[in-house]
Structures are given as structure tokens and as C-alpha cells.
């Protein structure tokens, strides 16, 4: 089994984060250095507690305590995937080819 290069995928994702978040969380908006959106994993009616740091990729839902440290973990959370599957899909989306 090949190793997945999470750092490479996360670096590439950070570069493309504005476009990625516009696609994944289209109702969100940039507020300072954070993307603020409704959390699609719960009945979130108003944006405000679900935030993604545009510089680091760290994210959190301050209403539930769910959080992560990078774009791969965000993809895993949003789409209910394992980290490996989220990394592979994000790598494909970014055109990185093989995720290893």
C-alpha cells in the first residue's frame, strides 16, 4: 500500500482554498481571514459558528466542537469520508494525480 502525501495535498489545497470553499460551502463568505458558512452536516440555519481559516486550513464548528487542522480533514468531515479517501478525492480534484 502506497503512502498518501497529506502535506503535499494540504499545501495544494491551501493555495486553492477560496475556490474549494466556494464549491463546498457556496453560501459562505469571506470575513477577514475566515470563510464563515452554515454547517451542512447539521441543521445550521445561520452562518457564524462554522469557520475555516483561509491561511492555515484549520476549521471548527464552535456550536458542536467539531474541528480539524487542514483541508483534508475538512473534506473528510463534510463528506463523511475516511482521511485516506478524502485525501485521494481532494488530490484528484486538484489535479495532483497520484496522491502518494
PDB file of N, CA and C in Angstrom:
ATOM      1  N   UNK A   1       0.846  -1.192   0.000  1.00  0.00           N
ATOM      2  CA  UNK A   1       0.000   0.000   0.000  1.00  0.00           C
ATOM      3  C   UNK A   1       0.885   1.248   0.000  1.00  0.00           C
ATOM      4  N   UNK A   2       0.601   2.166  -0.906  1.00  0.00           N
ATOM      5  CA  UNK A   2       1.385   3.389  -1.000  1.00  0.00           C
ATOM      6  C   UNK A   2       0.964   4.386   0.077  1.00  0.00           C
ATOM      7  N   UNK A   3       1.928   5.199   0.480  1.00  0.00           N
ATOM      8  CA  UNK A   3       1.630   6.258   1.449  1.00  0.00           C
ATOM      9  C   UNK A   3       1.010   7.448   0.735  1.00  0.00           C
ATOM     10  N   UNK A   4       0.070   8.062   1.389  1.00  0.00           N
ATOM     11  CA  UNK A   4      -0.556   9.275   0.868  1.00  0.00           C
ATOM     12  C   UNK A   4       0.248  10.472   1.377  1.00  0.00           C
ATOM     13  N   UNK A   5       0.590  11.389   0.489  1.00  0.00           N
ATOM     14  CA  UNK A   5       1.341  12.573   0.872  1.00  0.00           C
ATOM     15  C   UNK A   5       0.356  13.671   1.303  1.00  0.00           C
ATOM     16  N   UNK A   6      -0.093  13.578   2.545  1.00  0.00           N
ATOM     17  CA  UNK A   6      -1.065  14.525   3.079  1.00  0.00           C
ATOM     18  C   UNK A   6      -0.542  15.954   3.034  1.00  0.00           C
ATOM     19  N   UNK A   7       0.735  16.147   3.339  1.00  0.00           N
ATOM     20  CA  UNK A   7       1.286  17.507   3.347  1.00  0.00           C
ATOM     21  C   UNK A   7       1.216  18.134   1.960  1.00  0.00           C
ATOM     22  N   UNK A   8       1.552  17.373   0.943  1.00  0.00           N
ATOM     23  CA  UNK A   8       1.501  17.886  -0.435  1.00  0.00           C
ATOM     24  C   UNK A   8       0.075  18.265  -0.812  1.00  0.00           C
ATOM     25  N   UNK A   9      -0.860  17.411  -0.475  1.00  0.00           N
ATOM     26  CA  UNK A   9      -2.268  17.661  -0.810  1.00  0.00           C
ATOM     27  C   UNK A   9      -2.778  18.883  -0.053  1.00  0.00           C
ATOM     28  N   UNK A  10      -2.466  18.971   1.223  1.00  0.00           N
ATOM     29  CA  UNK A  10      -2.920  20.112   2.016  1.00  0.00           C
ATOM     30  C   UNK A  10      -2.292  21.420   1.540  1.00  0.00           C
ATOM     31  N   UNK A  11      -1.012  21.399   1.165  1.00  0.00           N
ATOM     32  CA  UNK A  11      -0.380  22.616   0.634  1.00  0.00           C
ATOM     33  C   UNK A  11      -1.079  23.081  -0.641  1.00  0.00           C
ATOM     34  N   UNK A  12      -1.338  22.138  -1.535  1.00  0.00           N
ATOM     35  CA  UNK A  12      -2.022  22.490  -2.787  1.00  0.00           C
ATOM     36  C   UNK A  12      -3.433  22.990  -2.504  1.00  0.00           C
ATOM     37  N   UNK A  13      -4.107  22.358  -1.566  1.00  0.00           N
ATOM     38  CA  UNK A  13      -5.476  22.764  -1.227  1.00  0.00           C
ATOM     39  C   UNK A  13      -5.502  24.158  -0.627  1.00  0.00           C
ATOM     40  N   UNK A  14      -4.524  24.501   0.189  1.00  0.00           N
ATOM     41  CA  UNK A  14      -4.485  25.847   0.772  1.00  0.00           C
ATOM     42  C   UNK A  14      -4.376  26.907  -0.309  1.00  0.00           C
ATOM     43  N   UNK A  15      -3.606  26.621  -1.343  1.00  0.00           N
ATOM     44  CA  UNK A  15      -3.457  27.562  -2.452  1.00  0.00           C
ATOM     45  C   UNK A  15      -4.791  27.789  -3.160  1.00  0.00           C
ATOM     46  N   UNK A  16      -5.584  26.732  -3.251  1.00  0.00           N
ATOM     47  CA  UNK A  16      -6.863  26.794  -3.965  1.00  0.00           C
ATOM     48  C   UNK A  16      -8.059  26.921  -3.022  1.00  0.00           C
ATOM     49  N   UNK A  17      -7.812  27.185  -1.752  1.00  0.00           N
ATOM     50  CA  UNK A  17      -8.895  27.159  -0.763  1.00  0.00           C
ATOM     51  C   UNK A  17     -10.079  28.073  -1.081  1.00  0.00           C
ATOM     52  N   UNK A  18      -9.880  29.292  -1.568  1.00  0.00           N
ATOM     53  CA  UNK A  18     -11.065  30.112  -1.887  1.00  0.00           C
ATOM     54  C   UNK A  18     -12.000  29.423  -2.896  1.00  0.00           C
ATOM     55  N   UNK A  19     -11.448  28.842  -3.925  1.00  0.00           N
ATOM     56  CA  UNK A  19     -12.273  28.156  -4.928  1.00  0.00           C
ATOM     57  C   UNK A  19     -12.901  26.886  -4.361  1.00  0.00           C
ATOM     58  N   UNK A  20     -12.149  26.151  -3.555  1.00  0.00           N
ATOM     59  CA  UNK A  20     -12.665  24.917  -2.950  1.00  0.00           C
ATOM     60  C   UNK A  20     -13.843  25.225  -2.042  1.00  0.00           C
ATOM     61  N   UNK A  21     -13.696  26.221  -1.189  1.00  0.00           N
ATOM     62  CA  UNK A  21     -14.764  26.544  -0.243  1.00  0.00           C
ATOM     63  C   UNK A  21     -15.980  27.131  -0.946  1.00  0.00           C
ATOM     64  N   UNK A  22     -15.756  27.870  -2.009  1.00  0.00           N
ATOM     65  CA  UNK A  22     -16.890  28.382  -2.789  1.00  0.00           C
ATOM     66  C   UNK A  22     -17.706  27.227  -3.369  1.00  0.00           C
ATOM     67  N   UNK A  23     -17.028  26.151  -3.690  1.00  0.00           N
ATOM     68  CA  UNK A  23     -17.695  24.964  -4.238  1.00  0.00           C
ATOM     69  C   UNK A  23     -18.359  24.124  -3.148  1.00  0.00           C
ATOM     70  N   UNK A  24     -17.633  23.880  -2.067  1.00  0.00           N
ATOM     71  CA  UNK A  24     -18.139  23.028  -0.999  1.00  0.00           C
ATOM     72  C   UNK A  24     -19.163  23.721  -0.108  1.00  0.00           C
ATOM     73  N   UNK A  25     -18.957  25.004   0.149  1.00  0.00           N
ATOM     74  CA  UNK A  25     -19.813  25.772   1.064  1.00  0.00           C
ATOM     75  C   UNK A  25     -20.235  27.067   0.376  1.00  0.00           C
ATOM     76  N   UNK A  26     -21.059  26.949  -0.679  1.00  0.00           N
ATOM     77  CA  UNK A  26     -21.350  28.115  -1.533  1.00  0.00           C
ATOM     78  C   UNK A  26     -22.096  29.255  -0.844  1.00  0.00           C
ATOM     79  N   UNK A  27     -22.722  28.991   0.284  1.00  0.00           N
ATOM     80  CA  UNK A  27     -23.431  30.069   0.975  1.00  0.00           C
ATOM     81  C   UNK A  27     -22.520  30.834   1.923  1.00  0.00           C
ATOM     82  N   UNK A  28     -21.247  30.448   1.990  1.00  0.00           N
ATOM     83  CA  UNK A  28     -20.318  31.102   2.894  1.00  0.00           C
ATOM     84  C   UNK A  28     -19.803  32.409   2.338  1.00  0.00           C
ATOM     85  N   UNK A  29     -19.089  33.132   3.197  1.00  0.00           N
ATOM     86  CA  UNK A  29     -18.472  34.381   2.742  1.00  0.00           C
ATOM     87  C   UNK A  29     -17.181  34.595   3.511  1.00  0.00           C
ATOM     88  N   UNK A  30     -16.307  35.342   2.887  1.00  0.00           N
ATOM     89  CA  UNK A  30     -15.030  35.661   3.494  1.00  0.00           C
ATOM     90  C   UNK A  30     -15.223  36.807   4.483  1.00  0.00           C
ATOM     91  N   UNK A  31     -14.821  36.563   5.711  1.00  0.00           N
ATOM     92  CA  UNK A  31     -14.863  37.578   6.755  1.00  0.00           C
ATOM     93  C   UNK A  31     -13.466  37.636   7.370  1.00  0.00           C
ATOM     94  N   UNK A  32     -12.735  38.671   7.026  1.00  0.00           N
ATOM     95  CA  UNK A  32     -11.342  38.743   7.466  1.00  0.00           C
ATOM     96  C   UNK A  32     -10.548  37.630   6.802  1.00  0.00           C
ATOM     97  N   UNK A  33      -9.921  36.784   7.599  1.00  0.00           N
ATOM     98  CA  UNK A  33      -9.162  35.664   7.058  1.00  0.00           C
ATOM     99  C   UNK A  33      -9.883  34.328   7.270  1.00  0.00           C
ATOM    100  N   UNK A  34     -11.221  34.400   7.466  1.00  0.00           N
ATOM    101  CA  UNK A  34     -12.000  33.180   7.682  1.00  0.00           C
ATOM    102  C   UNK A  34     -13.162  33.083   6.700  1.00  0.00           C
ATOM    103  N   UNK A  35     -13.447  31.855   6.281  1.00  0.00           N
ATOM    104  CA  UNK A  35     -14.644  31.565   5.500  1.00  0.00           C
ATOM    105  C   UNK A  35     -15.708  31.178   6.516  1.00  0.00           C
ATOM    106  N   UNK A  36     -16.799  31.903   6.543  1.00  0.00           N
ATOM    107  CA  UNK A  36     -17.869  31.677   7.509  1.00  0.00           C
ATOM    108  C   UNK A  36     -19.080  31.172   6.741  1.00  0.00           C
ATOM    109  N   UNK A  37     -19.576  29.993   7.139  1.00  0.00           N
ATOM    110  CA  UNK A  37     -20.677  29.359   6.410  1.00  0.00           C
ATOM    111  C   UNK A  37     -21.586  28.613   7.373  1.00  0.00           C
ATOM    112  N   UNK A  38     -22.710  28.165   6.839  1.00  0.00           N
ATOM    113  CA  UNK A  38     -23.559  27.245   7.597  1.00  0.00           C
ATOM    114  C   UNK A  38     -22.928  25.859   7.501  1.00  0.00           C
ATOM    115  N   UNK A  39     -23.031  25.088   8.550  1.00  0.00           N
ATOM    116  CA  UNK A  39     -22.501  23.729   8.548  1.00  0.00           C
ATOM    117  C   UNK A  39     -23.527  22.802   7.896  1.00  0.00           C
ATOM    118  N   UNK A  40     -23.215  22.211   6.733  1.00  0.00           N
ATOM    119  CA  UNK A  40     -24.183  21.350   6.058  1.00  0.00           C
ATOM    120  C   UNK A  40     -24.389  20.005   6.742  1.00  0.00           C
ATOM    121  N   UNK A  41     -23.577  19.687   7.743  1.00  0.00           N
ATOM    122  CA  UNK A  41     -23.713  18.412   8.447  1.00  0.00           C
ATOM    123  C   UNK A  41     -24.766  18.458   9.558  1.00  0.00           C
ATOM    124  N   UNK A  42     -25.315  19.616   9.804  1.00  0.00           N
ATOM    125  CA  UNK A  42     -26.354  19.726  10.841  1.00  0.00           C
ATOM    126  C   UNK A  42     -27.375  20.773  10.394  1.00  0.00           C
ATOM    127  N   UNK A  43     -28.423  20.935  11.108  1.00  0.00           N
ATOM    128  CA  UNK A  43     -29.471  21.881  10.758  1.00  0.00           C
ATOM    129  C   UNK A  43     -29.090  23.311  11.078  1.00  0.00           C
ATOM    130  N   UNK A  44     -27.976  23.742  10.568  1.00  0.00           N
ATOM    131  CA  UNK A  44     -27.456  25.082  10.831  1.00  0.00           C
ATOM    132  C   UNK A  44     -28.228  26.090   9.977  1.00  0.00           C
ATOM    133  N   UNK A  45     -28.983  26.967  10.614  1.00  0.00           N
ATOM    134  CA  UNK A  45     -29.814  27.916   9.881  1.00  0.00           C
ATOM    135  C   UNK A  45     -29.118  29.236   9.579  1.00  0.00           C
ATOM    136  N   UNK A  46     -28.088  29.556  10.359  1.00  0.00           N
ATOM    137  CA  UNK A  46     -27.412  30.838  10.185  1.00  0.00           C
ATOM    138  C   UNK A  46     -25.900  30.645  10.211  1.00  0.00           C
ATOM    139  N   UNK A  47     -25.188  31.304   9.304  1.00  0.00           N
ATOM    140  CA  UNK A  47     -23.730  31.233   9.367  1.00  0.00           C
ATOM    141  C   UNK A  47     -23.215  31.936  10.612  1.00  0.00           C
ATOM    142  N   UNK A  48     -22.076  31.513  11.073  1.00  0.00           N
ATOM    143  CA  UNK A  48     -21.467  32.193  12.209  1.00  0.00           C
ATOM    144  C   UNK A  48     -20.616  31.287  13.062  1.00  0.00           C
ATOM    145  N   UNK A  49     -21.048  30.058  13.305  1.00  0.00           N
ATOM    146  CA  UNK A  49     -20.277  29.190  14.186  1.00  0.00           C
ATOM    147  C   UNK A  49     -19.356  28.232  13.432  1.00  0.00           C
ATOM    148  N   UNK A  50     -19.523  28.106  12.121  1.00  0.00           N
ATOM    149  CA  UNK A  50     -18.696  27.207  11.316  1.00  0.00           C
ATOM    150  C   UNK A  50     -17.720  28.055  10.509  1.00  0.00           C
ATOM    151  N   UNK A  51     -16.421  27.920  10.836  1.00  0.00           N
ATOM    152  CA  UNK A  51     -15.424  28.804  10.240  1.00  0.00           C
ATOM    153  C   UNK A  51     -14.202  28.018   9.799  1.00  0.00           C
ATOM    154  N   UNK A  52     -13.619  28.467   8.690  1.00  0.00           N
ATOM    155  CA  UNK A  52     -12.398  27.879   8.159  1.00  0.00           C
ATOM    156  C   UNK A  52     -11.374  28.995   8.012  1.00  0.00           C
ATOM    157  N   UNK A  53     -10.197  28.804   8.589  1.00  0.00           N
ATOM    158  CA  UNK A  53      -9.129  29.784   8.482  1.00  0.00           C
ATOM    159  C   UNK A  53      -8.507  29.656   7.101  1.00  0.00           C
ATOM    160  N   UNK A  54      -8.524  30.722   6.324  1.00  0.00           N
ATOM    161  CA  UNK A  54      -8.039  30.704   4.949  1.00  0.00           C
ATOM    162  C   UNK A  54      -6.513  30.609   4.862  1.00  0.00           C
ATOM    163  N   UNK A  55      -5.813  30.956   5.910  1.00  0.00           N
ATOM    164  CA  UNK A  55      -4.349  30.905   5.898  1.00  0.00           C
ATOM    165  C   UNK A  55      -3.811  29.533   6.289  1.00  0.00           C
ATOM    166  N   UNK A  56      -4.490  28.860   7.193  1.00  0.00           N
ATOM    167  CA  UNK A  56      -3.975  27.599   7.736  1.00  0.00           C
ATOM    168  C   UNK A  56      -4.800  26.376   7.342  1.00  0.00           C
ATOM    169  N   UNK A  57      -6.062  26.584   6.990  1.00  0.00           N
ATOM    170  CA  UNK A  57      -6.947  25.465   6.704  1.00  0.00           C
ATOM    171  C   UNK A  57      -7.600  24.879   7.939  1.00  0.00           C
ATOM    172  N   UNK A  58      -7.244  25.376   9.107  1.00  0.00           N
ATOM    173  CA  UNK A  58      -7.889  24.894  10.342  1.00  0.00           C
ATOM    174  C   UNK A  58      -9.356  25.305  10.309  1.00  0.00           C
ATOM    175  N   UNK A  59     -10.219  24.450  10.819  1.00  0.00           N
ATOM    176  CA  UNK A  59     -11.649  24.717  10.780  1.00  0.00           C
ATOM    177  C   UNK A  59     -12.281  24.262  12.083  1.00  0.00           C
ATOM    178  N   UNK A  60     -13.442  24.821  12.368  1.00  0.00           N
ATOM    179  CA  UNK A  60     -14.175  24.438  13.577  1.00  0.00           C
ATOM    180  C   UNK A  60     -15.634  24.826  13.449  1.00  0.00           C
ATOM    181  N   UNK A  61     -16.464  24.019  14.078  1.00  0.00           N
ATOM    182  CA  UNK A  61     -17.852  24.385  14.311  1.00  0.00           C
ATOM    183  C   UNK A  61     -17.938  24.643  15.805  1.00  0.00           C
ATOM    184  N   UNK A  62     -17.982  25.900  16.165  1.00  0.00           N
ATOM    185  CA  UNK A  62     -17.937  26.286  17.566  1.00  0.00           C
ATOM    186  C   UNK A  62     -19.231  25.950  18.300  1.00  0.00           C
ATOM    187  N   UNK A  63     -20.277  25.594  17.562  1.00  0.00           N
ATOM    188  CA  UNK A  63     -21.529  25.189  18.203  1.00  0.00           C
ATOM    189  C   UNK A  63     -21.494  23.729  18.637  1.00  0.00           C
ATOM    190  N   UNK A  64     -20.709  22.911  17.936  1.00  0.00           N
ATOM    191  CA  UNK A  64     -20.686  21.475  18.227  1.00  0.00           C
ATOM    192  C   UNK A  64     -19.355  20.983  18.779  1.00  0.00           C
ATOM    193  N   UNK A  65     -18.293  21.761  18.573  1.00  0.00           N
ATOM    194  CA  UNK A  65     -16.973  21.326  18.998  1.00  0.00           C
ATOM    195  C   UNK A  65     -16.225  20.527  17.944  1.00  0.00           C
ATOM    196  N   UNK A  66     -16.864  20.262  16.794  1.00  0.00           N
ATOM    197  CA  UNK A  66     -16.164  19.575  15.709  1.00  0.00           C
ATOM    198  C   UNK A  66     -15.080  20.492  15.180  1.00  0.00           C
ATOM    199  N   UNK A  67     -13.894  19.912  14.889  1.00  0.00           N
ATOM    200  CA  UNK A  67     -12.795  20.737  14.402  1.00  0.00           C
ATOM    201  C   UNK A  67     -11.749  19.881  13.732  1.00  0.00           C
ATOM    202  N   UNK A  68     -10.908  20.548  12.959  1.00  0.00           N
ATOM    203  CA  UNK A  68      -9.814  19.862  12.292  1.00  0.00           C
ATOM    204  C   UNK A  68      -8.728  20.838  11.913  1.00  0.00           C
ATOM    205  N   UNK A  69      -7.610  20.293  11.459  1.00  0.00           N
ATOM    206  CA  UNK A  69      -6.453  21.132  11.251  1.00  0.00           C
ATOM    207  C   UNK A  69      -6.041  21.393   9.824  1.00  0.00           C
ATOM    208  N   UNK A  70      -6.795  20.858   8.837  1.00  0.00           N
ATOM    209  CA  UNK A  70      -6.344  21.021   7.455  1.00  0.00           C
ATOM    210  C   UNK A  70      -7.475  20.734   6.475  1.00  0.00           C
ATOM    211  N   UNK A  71      -7.260  21.060   5.195  1.00  0.00           N
ATOM    212  CA  UNK A  71      -8.304  20.834   4.189  1.00  0.00           C
ATOM    213  C   UNK A  71      -8.715  19.366   4.031  1.00  0.00           C
ATOM    214  N   UNK A  72      -7.780  18.438   4.179  1.00  0.00           N
ATOM    215  CA  UNK A  72      -8.148  17.017   4.062  1.00  0.00           C
ATOM    216  C   UNK A  72      -9.138  16.637   5.158  1.00  0.00           C
ATOM    217  N   UNK A  73      -8.886  17.069   6.375  1.00  0.00           N
ATOM    218  CA  UNK A  73      -9.816  16.733   7.469  1.00  0.00           C
ATOM    219  C   UNK A  73     -11.169  17.416   7.259  1.00  0.00           C
ATOM    220  N   UNK A  74     -11.168  18.602   6.649  1.00  0.00           N
ATOM    221  CA  UNK A  74     -12.430  19.275   6.333  1.00  0.00           C
ATOM    222  C   UNK A  74     -13.223  18.472   5.304  1.00  0.00           C
ATOM    223  N   UNK A  75     -12.541  18.002   4.263  1.00  0.00           N
ATOM    224  CA  UNK A  75     -13.214  17.175   3.247  1.00  0.00           C
ATOM    225  C   UNK A  75     -13.766  15.907   3.881  1.00  0.00           C
ATOM    226  N   UNK A  76     -12.980  15.280   4.740  1.00  0.00           N
ATOM    227  CA  UNK A  76     -13.437  14.057   5.415  1.00  0.00           C
ATOM    228  C   UNK A  76     -14.691  14.342   6.239  1.00  0.00           C
ATOM    229  N   UNK A  77     -14.673  15.446   6.954  1.00  0.00           N
ATOM    230  CA  UNK A  77     -15.819  15.821   7.787  1.00  0.00           C
ATOM    231  C   UNK A  77     -17.053  16.145   6.951  1.00  0.00           C
ATOM    232  N   UNK A  78     -16.894  17.016   5.971  1.00  0.00           N
ATOM    233  CA  UNK A  78     -18.047  17.468   5.185  1.00  0.00           C
ATOM    234  C   UNK A  78     -18.719  16.338   4.409  1.00  0.00           C
ATOM    235  N   UNK A  79     -17.905  15.412   3.889  1.00  0.00           N
ATOM    236  CA  UNK A  79     -18.446  14.381   3.015  1.00  0.00           C
ATOM    237  C   UNK A  79     -18.474  13.004   3.658  1.00  0.00           C
ATOM    238  N   UNK A  80     -18.251  12.974   4.978  1.00  0.00           N
ATOM    239  CA  UNK A  80     -18.337  11.739   5.752  1.00  0.00           C
ATOM    240  C   UNK A  80     -17.443  10.643   5.166  1.00  0.00           C
ATOM    241  N   UNK A  81     -16.156  11.002   4.977  1.00  0.00           N
ATOM    242  CA  UNK A  81     -15.176  10.094   4.392  1.00  0.00           C
ATOM    243  C   UNK A  81     -14.074   9.788   5.402  1.00  0.00           C
ATOM    244  N   UNK A  82     -13.359   8.707   5.182  1.00  0.00           N
ATOM    245  CA  UNK A  82     -12.137   8.455   5.942  1.00  0.00           C
ATOM    246  C   UNK A  82     -11.067   9.413   5.412  1.00  0.00           C
ATOM    247  N   UNK A  83     -10.063   9.686   6.223  1.00  0.00           N
ATOM    248  CA  UNK A  83      -8.998  10.623   5.837  1.00  0.00           C
ATOM    249  C   UNK A  83      -8.327  10.207   4.528  1.00  0.00           C
ATOM    250  N   UNK A  84      -8.037   8.922   4.358  1.00  0.00           N
ATOM    251  CA  UNK A  84      -7.375   8.454   3.133  1.00  0.00           C
ATOM    252  C   UNK A  84      -8.231   8.718   1.902  1.00  0.00           C
ATOM    253  N   UNK A  85      -9.519   8.429   2.007  1.00  0.00           N
ATOM    254  CA  UNK A  85     -10.410   8.656   0.874  1.00  0.00           C
ATOM    255  C   UNK A  85     -10.557  10.151   0.584  1.00  0.00           C
ATOM    256  N   UNK A  86     -10.658  10.945   1.633  1.00  0.00           N
ATOM    257  CA  UNK A  86     -10.758  12.400   1.453  1.00  0.00           C
ATOM    258  C   UNK A  86      -9.504  12.943   0.779  1.00  0.00           C
ATOM    259  N   UNK A  87      -8.336  12.460   1.188  1.00  0.00           N
ATOM    260  CA  UNK A  87      -7.080  12.913   0.580  1.00  0.00           C
ATOM    261  C   UNK A  87      -7.026  12.533  -0.893  1.00  0.00           C
ATOM    262  N   UNK A  88      -7.426  11.312  -1.213  1.00  0.00           N
ATOM    263  CA  UNK A  88      -7.393  10.866  -2.608  1.00  0.00           C
ATOM    264  C   UNK A  88      -8.348  11.682  -3.468  1.00  0.00           C
ATOM    265  N   UNK A  89      -9.547  11.942  -2.961  1.00  0.00           N
ATOM    266  CA  UNK A  89     -10.518  12.723  -3.730  1.00  0.00           C
ATOM    267  C   UNK A  89     -10.073  14.174  -3.900  1.00  0.00           C
ATOM    268  N   UNK A  90      -9.515  14.744  -2.851  1.00  0.00           N
ATOM    269  CA  UNK A  90      -9.027  16.121  -2.933  1.00  0.00           C
ATOM    270  C   UNK A  90      -7.854  16.208  -3.906  1.00  0.00           C
ATOM    271  N   UNK A  91      -6.979  15.218  -3.877  1.00  0.00           N
ATOM    272  CA  UNK A  91      -5.857  15.171  -4.814  1.00  0.00           C
ATOM    273  C   UNK A  91      -6.357  15.123  -6.257  1.00  0.00           C
ATOM    274  N   UNK A  92      -7.355  14.303  -6.498  1.00  0.00           N
ATOM    275  CA  UNK A  92      -7.949  14.230  -7.844  1.00  0.00           C
ATOM    276  C   UNK A  92      -8.568  15.564  -8.243  1.00  0.00           C
ATOM    277  N   UNK A  93      -9.307  16.167  -7.322  1.00  0.00           N
ATOM    278  CA  UNK A  93      -9.964  17.435  -7.608  1.00  0.00           C
ATOM    279  C   UNK A  93      -8.945  18.527  -7.958  1.00  0.00           C
ATOM    280  N   UNK A  94      -7.795  18.478  -7.319  1.00  0.00           N
ATOM    281  CA  UNK A  94      -6.750  19.485  -7.528  1.00  0.00           C
ATOM    282  C   UNK A  94      -5.847  19.156  -8.712  1.00  0.00           C
ATOM    283  N   UNK A  95      -6.092  17.995  -9.323  1.00  0.00           N
ATOM    284  CA  UNK A  95      -5.283  17.596 -10.478  1.00  0.00           C
ATOM    285  C   UNK A  95      -3.866  17.210 -10.119  1.00  0.00           C
ATOM    286  N   UNK A  96      -3.669  16.686  -8.917  1.00  0.00           N
ATOM    287  CA  UNK A  96      -2.344  16.310  -8.470  1.00  0.00           C
ATOM    288  C   UNK A  96      -1.938  14.928  -8.952  1.00  0.00           C
ATOM    289  N   UNK A  97      -2.859  14.204  -9.547  1.00  0.00           N
ATOM    290  CA  UNK A  97      -2.548  12.841  -9.975  1.00  0.00           C
ATOM    291  C   UNK A  97      -2.515  11.912  -8.795  1.00  0.00           C
ATOM    292  N   UNK A  98      -1.509  11.053  -8.752  1.00  0.00           N
ATOM    293  CA  UNK A  98      -1.354  10.089  -7.681  1.00  0.00           C
ATOM    294  C   UNK A  98      -1.204  10.831  -6.359  1.00  0.00           C
ATOM    295  N   UNK A  99      -1.969  10.429  -5.339  1.00  0.00           N
ATOM    296  CA  UNK A  99      -1.963  11.122  -4.050  1.00  0.00           C
ATOM    297  C   UNK A  99      -0.738  10.786  -3.206  1.00  0.00           C
ATOM    298  N   UNK A 100       0.092   9.851  -3.665  1.00  0.00           N
ATOM    299  CA  UNK A 100       1.260   9.470  -2.860  1.00  0.00           C
ATOM    300  C   UNK A 100       2.438  10.389  -3.106  1.00  0.00           C
TER     301      UNK A 100
END
